[in-house]
PDB file of N, CA and C in Angstrom:
ATOM      1  N   MET A   1       0.799  10.663 -47.492  1.00  0.00           N
ATOM      2  CA  MET A   1       0.096  10.317 -48.699  1.00  0.00           C
ATOM      3  C   MET A   1       0.886   9.285 -49.512  1.00  0.00           C
ATOM      4  N   LEU A   2       2.197   9.422 -49.523  1.00  0.00           N
ATOM      5  CA  LEU A   2       2.999   8.444 -50.263  1.00  0.00           C
ATOM      6  C   LEU A   2       2.894   7.060 -49.635  1.00  0.00           C
ATOM      7  N   GLU A   3       2.894   7.019 -48.316  1.00  0.00           N
ATOM      8  CA  GLU A   3       2.752   5.733 -47.623  1.00  0.00           C
ATOM      9  C   GLU A   3       1.389   5.112 -47.917  1.00  0.00           C
ATOM     10  N   ALA A   4       0.353   5.927 -47.926  1.00  0.00           N
ATOM     11  CA  ALA A   4      -0.991   5.427 -48.244  1.00  0.00           C
ATOM     12  C   ALA A   4      -1.028   4.879 -49.666  1.00  0.00           C
ATOM     13  N   SER A   5      -0.381   5.566 -50.574  1.00  0.00           N
ATOM     14  CA  SER A   5      -0.324   5.115 -51.964  1.00  0.00           C
ATOM     15  C   SER A   5       0.372   3.757 -52.073  1.00  0.00           C
ATOM     16  N   GLU A   6       1.480   3.615 -51.368  1.00  0.00           N
ATOM     17  CA  GLU A   6       2.207   2.338 -51.377  1.00  0.00           C
ATOM     18  C   GLU A   6       1.360   1.213 -50.797  1.00  0.00           C
ATOM     19  N   LYS A   7       0.647   1.495 -49.715  1.00  0.00           N
ATOM     20  CA  LYS A   7      -0.209   0.478 -49.087  1.00  0.00           C
ATOM     21  C   LYS A   7      -1.351   0.065 -50.018  1.00  0.00           C
ATOM     22  N   LEU A   8      -1.932   1.030 -50.726  1.00  0.00           N
ATOM     23  CA  LEU A   8      -2.985   0.709 -51.686  1.00  0.00           C
ATOM     24  C   LEU A   8      -2.471  -0.214 -52.786  1.00  0.00           C
ATOM     25  N   ILE A   9      -1.286   0.079 -53.285  1.00  0.00           N
ATOM     26  CA  ILE A   9      -0.694  -0.766 -54.330  1.00  0.00           C
ATOM     27  C   ILE A   9      -0.441  -2.169 -53.792  1.00  0.00           C
ATOM     28  N   GLU A  10       0.128  -2.259 -52.588  1.00  0.00           N
ATOM     29  CA  GLU A  10       0.378  -3.566 -51.977  1.00  0.00           C
ATOM     30  C   GLU A  10      -0.922  -4.356 -51.825  1.00  0.00           C
ATOM     31  N   ALA A  11      -1.961  -3.696 -51.346  1.00  0.00           N
ATOM     32  CA  ALA A  11      -3.248  -4.373 -51.142  1.00  0.00           C
ATOM     33  C   ALA A  11      -3.837  -4.855 -52.462  1.00  0.00           C
ATOM     34  N   SER A  12      -3.731  -4.041 -53.504  1.00  0.00           N
ATOM     35  CA  SER A  12      -4.298  -4.445 -54.790  1.00  0.00           C
ATOM     36  C   SER A  12      -3.547  -5.629 -55.385  1.00  0.00           C
ATOM     37  N   VAL A  13      -2.244  -5.689 -55.156  1.00  0.00           N
ATOM     38  CA  VAL A  13      -1.458  -6.842 -55.626  1.00  0.00           C
ATOM     39  C   VAL A  13      -1.876  -8.095 -54.865  1.00  0.00           C
ATOM     40  N   ILE A  14      -2.091  -7.965 -53.564  1.00  0.00           N
ATOM     41  CA  ILE A  14      -2.518  -9.113 -52.757  1.00  0.00           C
ATOM     42  C   ILE A  14      -3.883  -9.619 -53.218  1.00  0.00           C
ATOM     43  N   VAL A  15      -4.807  -8.700 -53.472  1.00  0.00           N
ATOM     44  CA  VAL A  15      -6.140  -9.093 -53.942  1.00  0.00           C
ATOM     45  C   VAL A  15      -6.039  -9.786 -55.297  1.00  0.00           C
ATOM     46  N   ARG A  16      -5.270  -9.201 -56.197  1.00  0.00           N
ATOM     47  CA  ARG A  16      -5.120  -9.795 -57.530  1.00  0.00           C
ATOM     48  C   ARG A  16      -4.515 -11.188 -57.432  1.00  0.00           C
ATOM     49  N   ASP A  17      -3.486 -11.347 -56.598  1.00  0.00           N
ATOM     50  CA  ASP A  17      -2.859 -12.659 -56.423  1.00  0.00           C
ATOM     51  C   ASP A  17      -3.813 -13.659 -55.772  1.00  0.00           C
ATOM     52  N   ALA A  18      -4.626 -13.191 -54.835  1.00  0.00           N
ATOM     53  CA  ALA A  18      -5.558 -14.082 -54.143  1.00  0.00           C
ATOM     54  C   ALA A  18      -6.646 -14.603 -55.078  1.00  0.00           C
ATOM     55  N   LEU A  19      -6.957 -13.839 -56.108  1.00  0.00           N
ATOM     56  CA  LEU A  19      -8.025 -14.234 -57.023  1.00  0.00           C
ATOM     57  C   LEU A  19      -7.531 -15.046 -58.217  1.00  0.00           C
ATOM     58  N   ARG A  20      -6.247 -15.320 -58.264  1.00  0.00           N
ATOM     59  CA  ARG A  20      -5.729 -16.157 -59.353  1.00  0.00           C
ATOM     60  C   ARG A  20      -6.320 -17.553 -59.260  1.00  0.00           C
ATOM     61  N   MET A  21      -6.694 -18.065 -60.413  1.00  0.00           N
ATOM     62  CA  MET A  21      -7.239 -19.416 -60.546  1.00  0.00           C
ATOM     63  C   MET A  21      -8.545 -19.599 -59.766  1.00  0.00           C
ATOM     64  N   SER A  22      -9.267 -18.507 -59.544  1.00  0.00           N
ATOM     65  CA  SER A  22     -10.543 -18.596 -58.825  1.00  0.00           C
ATOM     66  C   SER A  22     -11.731 -18.382 -59.753  1.00  0.00           C
ATOM     67  N   GLY A  23     -11.448 -18.010 -60.978  1.00  0.00           N
ATOM     68  CA  GLY A  23     -12.517 -17.644 -61.888  1.00  0.00           C
ATOM     69  C   GLY A  23     -12.901 -16.177 -61.773  1.00  0.00           C
ATOM     70  N   LEU A  24     -12.303 -15.485 -60.841  1.00  0.00           N
ATOM     71  CA  LEU A  24     -12.597 -14.065 -60.609  1.00  0.00           C
ATOM     72  C   LEU A  24     -11.379 -13.184 -60.913  1.00  0.00           C
ATOM     73  N   GLU A  25     -10.500 -13.661 -61.777  1.00  0.00           N
ATOM     74  CA  GLU A  25      -9.276 -12.938 -62.087  1.00  0.00           C
ATOM     75  C   GLU A  25      -9.553 -11.536 -62.625  1.00  0.00           C
ATOM     76  N   LYS A  26     -10.621 -11.400 -63.408  1.00  0.00           N
ATOM     77  CA  LYS A  26     -10.966 -10.105 -63.999  1.00  0.00           C
ATOM     78  C   LYS A  26     -11.227  -9.071 -62.907  1.00  0.00           C
ATOM     79  N   ARG A  27     -11.879  -9.483 -61.838  1.00  0.00           N
ATOM     80  CA  ARG A  27     -12.141  -8.548 -60.732  1.00  0.00           C
ATOM     81  C   ARG A  27     -10.844  -8.105 -60.066  1.00  0.00           C
ATOM     82  N   GLY A  28      -9.922  -9.030 -59.882  1.00  0.00           N
ATOM     83  CA  GLY A  28      -8.625  -8.678 -59.310  1.00  0.00           C
ATOM     84  C   GLY A  28      -7.866  -7.709 -60.198  1.00  0.00           C
ATOM     85  N   ASP A  29      -7.916  -7.955 -61.507  1.00  0.00           N
ATOM     86  CA  ASP A  29      -7.266  -7.047 -62.451  1.00  0.00           C
ATOM     87  C   ASP A  29      -7.930  -5.672 -62.435  1.00  0.00           C
ATOM     88  N   ASP A  30      -9.257  -5.652 -62.322  1.00  0.00           N
ATOM     89  CA  ASP A  30      -9.978  -4.375 -62.267  1.00  0.00           C
ATOM     90  C   ASP A  30      -9.586  -3.576 -61.028  1.00  0.00           C
ATOM     91  N   ILE A  31      -9.480  -4.253 -59.894  1.00  0.00           N
ATOM     92  CA  ILE A  31      -9.076  -3.584 -58.655  1.00  0.00           C
ATOM     93  C   ILE A  31      -7.670  -3.023 -58.803  1.00  0.00           C
ATOM     94  N   PHE A  32      -6.764  -3.832 -59.337  1.00  0.00           N
ATOM     95  CA  PHE A  32      -5.388  -3.385 -59.524  1.00  0.00           C
ATOM     96  C   PHE A  32      -5.335  -2.179 -60.456  1.00  0.00           C
ATOM     97  N   ASP A  33      -6.072  -2.232 -61.570  1.00  0.00           N
ATOM     98  CA  ASP A  33      -6.077  -1.123 -62.525  1.00  0.00           C
ATOM     99  C   ASP A  33      -6.641   0.158 -61.909  1.00  0.00           C
ATOM    100  N   THR A  34      -7.688   0.021 -61.113  1.00  0.00           N
ATOM    101  CA  THR A  34      -8.284   1.190 -60.463  1.00  0.00           C
ATOM    102  C   THR A  34      -7.314   1.819 -59.478  1.00  0.00           C
ATOM    103  N   VAL A  35      -6.669   0.993 -58.671  1.00  0.00           N
ATOM    104  CA  VAL A  35      -5.700   1.516 -57.702  1.00  0.00           C
ATOM    105  C   VAL A  35      -4.529   2.152 -58.432  1.00  0.00           C
ATOM    106  N   GLU A  36      -4.064   1.517 -59.487  1.00  0.00           N
ATOM    107  CA  GLU A  36      -2.956   2.084 -60.267  1.00  0.00           C
ATOM    108  C   GLU A  36      -3.354   3.448 -60.845  1.00  0.00           C
ATOM    109  N   HIS A  37      -4.603   3.545 -61.282  1.00  0.00           N
ATOM    110  CA  HIS A  37      -5.109   4.813 -61.819  1.00  0.00           C
ATOM    111  C   HIS A  37      -4.989   5.922 -60.773  1.00  0.00           C
ATOM    112  N   TYR A  38      -5.458   5.667 -59.576  1.00  0.00           N
ATOM    113  CA  TYR A  38      -5.473   6.701 -58.542  1.00  0.00           C
ATOM    114  C   TYR A  38      -4.123   6.923 -57.869  1.00  0.00           C
ATOM    115  N   THR A  39      -3.185   6.018 -58.044  1.00  0.00           N
ATOM    116  CA  THR A  39      -1.881   6.197 -57.408  1.00  0.00           C
ATOM    117  C   THR A  39      -0.807   6.688 -58.371  1.00  0.00           C
ATOM    118  N   SER A  40      -1.114   6.752 -59.664  1.00  0.00           N
ATOM    119  CA  SER A  40      -0.043   7.120 -60.587  1.00  0.00           C
ATOM    120  C   SER A  40      -0.407   8.160 -61.633  1.00  0.00           C
ATOM    121  N   LEU A  41      -1.654   8.269 -62.018  1.00  0.00           N
ATOM    122  CA  LEU A  41      -2.001   9.159 -63.124  1.00  0.00           C
ATOM    123  C   LEU A  41      -2.006  10.625 -62.713  1.00  0.00           C
ATOM    124  N   ASN A  42      -1.434  11.446 -63.572  1.00  0.00           N
ATOM    125  CA  ASN A  42      -1.433  12.882 -63.327  1.00  0.00           C
ATOM    126  C   ASN A  42      -2.636  13.568 -63.968  1.00  0.00           C
ATOM    127  N   SER A  43      -3.340  12.867 -64.838  1.00  0.00           N
ATOM    128  CA  SER A  43      -4.459  13.488 -65.539  1.00  0.00           C
ATOM    129  C   SER A  43      -5.733  13.545 -64.704  1.00  0.00           C
ATOM    130  N   ASP A  44      -5.819  12.765 -63.642  1.00  0.00           N
ATOM    131  CA  ASP A  44      -7.015  12.749 -62.797  1.00  0.00           C
ATOM    132  C   ASP A  44      -6.799  13.648 -61.587  1.00  0.00           C
ATOM    133  N   PRO A  45      -7.643  14.649 -61.393  1.00  0.00           N
ATOM    134  CA  PRO A  45      -7.453  15.538 -60.247  1.00  0.00           C
ATOM    135  C   PRO A  45      -7.592  14.833 -58.903  1.00  0.00           C
ATOM    136  N   SER A  46      -8.255  13.673 -58.881  1.00  0.00           N
ATOM    137  CA  SER A  46      -8.415  12.928 -57.636  1.00  0.00           C
ATOM    138  C   SER A  46      -7.303  11.936 -57.383  1.00  0.00           C
ATOM    139  N   SER A  47      -6.302  11.906 -58.253  1.00  0.00           N
ATOM    140  CA  SER A  47      -5.202  10.963 -58.057  1.00  0.00           C
ATOM    141  C   SER A  47      -4.313  11.432 -56.909  1.00  0.00           C
ATOM    142  N   ILE A  48      -3.667  10.494 -56.269  1.00  0.00           N
ATOM    143  CA  ILE A  48      -2.821  10.812 -55.121  1.00  0.00           C
ATOM    144  C   ILE A  48      -1.679  11.754 -55.499  1.00  0.00           C
ATOM    145  N   PRO A  49      -0.997  11.573 -56.644  1.00  0.00           N
ATOM    146  CA  PRO A  49       0.049  12.545 -56.997  1.00  0.00           C
ATOM    147  C   PRO A  49      -0.485  13.984 -57.108  1.00  0.00           C
ATOM    148  N   ASN A  50      -1.686  14.157 -57.644  1.00  0.00           N
ATOM    149  CA  ASN A  50      -2.254  15.502 -57.735  1.00  0.00           C
ATOM    150  C   ASN A  50      -2.644  16.046 -56.369  1.00  0.00           C
ATOM    151  N   ILE A  51      -3.145  15.197 -55.508  1.00  0.00           N
ATOM    152  CA  ILE A  51      -3.477  15.632 -54.151  1.00  0.00           C
ATOM    153  C   ILE A  51      -2.216  16.054 -53.410  1.00  0.00           C
ATOM    154  N   ILE A  52      -1.138  15.299 -53.580  1.00  0.00           N
ATOM    155  CA  ILE A  52       0.135  15.652 -52.937  1.00  0.00           C
ATOM    156  C   ILE A  52       0.612  17.018 -53.427  1.00  0.00           C
ATOM    157  N   ARG A  53       0.547  17.246 -54.746  1.00  0.00           N
ATOM    158  CA  ARG A  53       0.956  18.542 -55.293  1.00  0.00           C
ATOM    159  C   ARG A  53       0.087  19.671 -54.744  1.00  0.00           C
ATOM    160  N   ASP A  54      -1.207  19.431 -54.637  1.00  0.00           N
ATOM    161  CA  ASP A  54      -2.104  20.458 -54.101  1.00  0.00           C
ATOM    162  C   ASP A  54      -1.776  20.778 -52.647  1.00  0.00           C
ATOM    163  N   LEU A  55      -1.489  19.746 -51.871  1.00  0.00           N
ATOM    164  CA  LEU A  55      -1.139  19.979 -50.463  1.00  0.00           C
ATOM    165  C   LEU A  55       0.197  20.702 -50.331  1.00  0.00           C
ATOM    166  N   ASP A  56       1.152  20.345 -51.170  1.00  0.00           N
ATOM    167  CA  ASP A  56       2.463  21.001 -51.131  1.00  0.00           C
ATOM    168  C   ASP A  56       2.362  22.467 -51.538  1.00  0.00           C
ATOM    169  N   GLY A  57       1.463  22.778 -52.458  1.00  0.00           N
ATOM    170  CA  GLY A  57       1.324  24.148 -52.941  1.00  0.00           C
ATOM    171  C   GLY A  57       0.359  24.994 -52.140  1.00  0.00           C
ATOM    172  N   ALA A  58      -0.315  24.403 -51.194  1.00  0.00           N
ATOM    173  CA  ALA A  58      -1.309  25.140 -50.404  1.00  0.00           C
ATOM    174  C   ALA A  58      -0.629  26.176 -49.519  1.00  0.00           C
ATOM    175  N   GLN A  59      -1.195  27.360 -49.496  1.00  0.00           N
ATOM    176  CA  GLN A  59      -0.652  28.435 -48.668  1.00  0.00           C
ATOM    177  C   GLN A  59      -1.201  28.387 -47.245  1.00  0.00           C
ATOM    178  N   ASP A  60      -2.435  27.967 -47.108  1.00  0.00           N
ATOM    179  CA  ASP A  60      -3.085  27.919 -45.796  1.00  0.00           C
ATOM    180  C   ASP A  60      -2.943  26.534 -45.189  1.00  0.00           C
ATOM    181  N   ASP A  61      -3.168  26.467 -43.901  1.00  0.00           N
ATOM    182  CA  ASP A  61      -3.216  25.176 -43.236  1.00  0.00           C
ATOM    183  C   ASP A  61      -4.451  24.424 -43.714  1.00  0.00           C
ATOM    184  N   PRO A  62      -4.403  23.102 -43.714  1.00  0.00           N
ATOM    185  CA  PRO A  62      -5.608  22.343 -44.086  1.00  0.00           C
ATOM    186  C   PRO A  62      -6.767  22.705 -43.163  1.00  0.00           C
ATOM    187  N   CYS A  63      -7.983  22.594 -43.676  1.00  0.00           N
ATOM    188  CA  CYS A  63      -9.156  23.035 -42.916  1.00  0.00           C
ATOM    189  C   CYS A  63      -9.328  22.283 -41.611  1.00  0.00           C
ATOM    190  N   TRP A  64      -8.837  21.037 -41.525  1.00  0.00           N
ATOM    191  CA  TRP A  64      -9.036  20.283 -40.295  1.00  0.00           C
ATOM    192  C   TRP A  64      -8.154  20.789 -39.155  1.00  0.00           C
ATOM    193  N   THR A  65      -7.218  21.693 -39.439  1.00  0.00           N
ATOM    194  CA  THR A  65      -6.378  22.236 -38.375  1.00  0.00           C
ATOM    195  C   THR A  65      -6.984  23.492 -37.767  1.00  0.00           C
ATOM    196  N   ARG A  66      -8.049  24.025 -38.384  1.00  0.00           N
ATOM    197  CA  ARG A  66      -8.711  25.212 -37.862  1.00  0.00           C
ATOM    198  C   ARG A  66      -9.956  24.817 -37.094  1.00  0.00           C
ATOM    199  N   PRO A  67     -10.244  25.478 -36.000  1.00  0.00           N
ATOM    200  CA  PRO A  67     -11.453  25.150 -35.246  1.00  0.00           C
ATOM    201  C   PRO A  67     -12.702  25.550 -36.020  1.00  0.00           C
ATOM    202  N   LEU A  68     -13.767  24.797 -35.815  1.00  0.00           N
ATOM    203  CA  LEU A  68     -15.033  25.137 -36.461  1.00  0.00           C
ATOM    204  C   LEU A  68     -15.682  26.348 -35.805  1.00  0.00           C
ATOM    205  N   VAL A  69     -15.462  26.500 -34.500  1.00  0.00           N
ATOM    206  CA  VAL A  69     -16.052  27.603 -33.762  1.00  0.00           C
ATOM    207  C   VAL A  69     -14.985  28.198 -32.866  1.00  0.00           C
ATOM    208  N   SER A  70     -14.883  29.498 -32.878  1.00  0.00           N
ATOM    209  CA  SER A  70     -13.938  30.176 -32.014  1.00  0.00           C
ATOM    210  C   SER A  70     -14.634  31.382 -31.392  1.00  0.00           C
ATOM    211  N   VAL A  71     -14.681  31.416 -30.074  1.00  0.00           N
ATOM    212  CA  VAL A  71     -15.325  32.524 -29.377  1.00  0.00           C
ATOM    213  C   VAL A  71     -14.546  33.810 -29.617  1.00  0.00           C
ATOM    214  N   LYS A  72     -13.230  33.703 -29.617  1.00  0.00           N
ATOM    215  CA  LYS A  72     -12.392  34.895 -29.765  1.00  0.00           C
ATOM    216  C   LYS A  72     -12.477  35.473 -31.170  1.00  0.00           C
ATOM    217  N   GLN A  73     -12.664  34.631 -32.167  1.00  0.00           N
ATOM    218  CA  GLN A  73     -12.655  35.134 -33.533  1.00  0.00           C
ATOM    219  C   GLN A  73     -13.912  34.721 -34.276  1.00  0.00           C
ATOM    220  N   SER A  74     -15.047  34.925 -33.678  1.00  0.00           N
ATOM    221  CA  SER A  74     -16.299  34.489 -34.276  1.00  0.00           C
ATOM    222  C   SER A  74     -16.686  35.299 -35.502  1.00  0.00           C
ATOM    223  N   ASP A  75     -16.063  36.467 -35.704  1.00  0.00           N
ATOM    224  CA  ASP A  75     -16.412  37.293 -36.849  1.00  0.00           C
ATOM    225  C   ASP A  75     -15.540  36.983 -38.087  1.00  0.00           C
ATOM    226  N   ARG A  76     -14.618  36.053 -37.972  1.00  0.00           N
ATOM    227  CA  ARG A  76     -13.796  35.691 -39.137  1.00  0.00           C
ATOM    228  C   ARG A  76     -14.662  35.021 -40.197  1.00  0.00           C
ATOM    229  N   LYS A  77     -14.397  35.325 -41.453  1.00  0.00           N
ATOM    230  CA  LYS A  77     -15.217  34.798 -42.541  1.00  0.00           C
ATOM    231  C   LYS A  77     -14.859  33.366 -42.910  1.00  0.00           C
ATOM    232  N   ASP A  78     -13.656  32.902 -42.561  1.00  0.00           N
ATOM    233  CA  ASP A  78     -13.253  31.553 -42.968  1.00  0.00           C
ATOM    234  C   ASP A  78     -13.599  30.491 -41.942  1.00  0.00           C
ATOM    235  N   ILE A  79     -14.274  30.849 -40.899  1.00  0.00           N
ATOM    236  CA  ILE A  79     -14.667  29.864 -39.873  1.00  0.00           C
ATOM    237  C   ILE A  79     -16.098  29.468 -40.110  1.00  0.00           C
TER     238      ILE A  79
END
């Protein structure tokens, strides 16, 4: 998740720089601000820092590590 966050920041800087002197600078700034919002703010539950904290505090394995169907344990409630 940290690597993804860094890549998003890098991409937003590239977009902002590419739009300099194009008349579309505001769009580049908007993209940068949006990415900065999701990569740094703790107040948004969808921000990457909050997602990292949620994953670190999770007691169970993420849902994608569990099979959707299991013949041996078909009566489990979490499947």
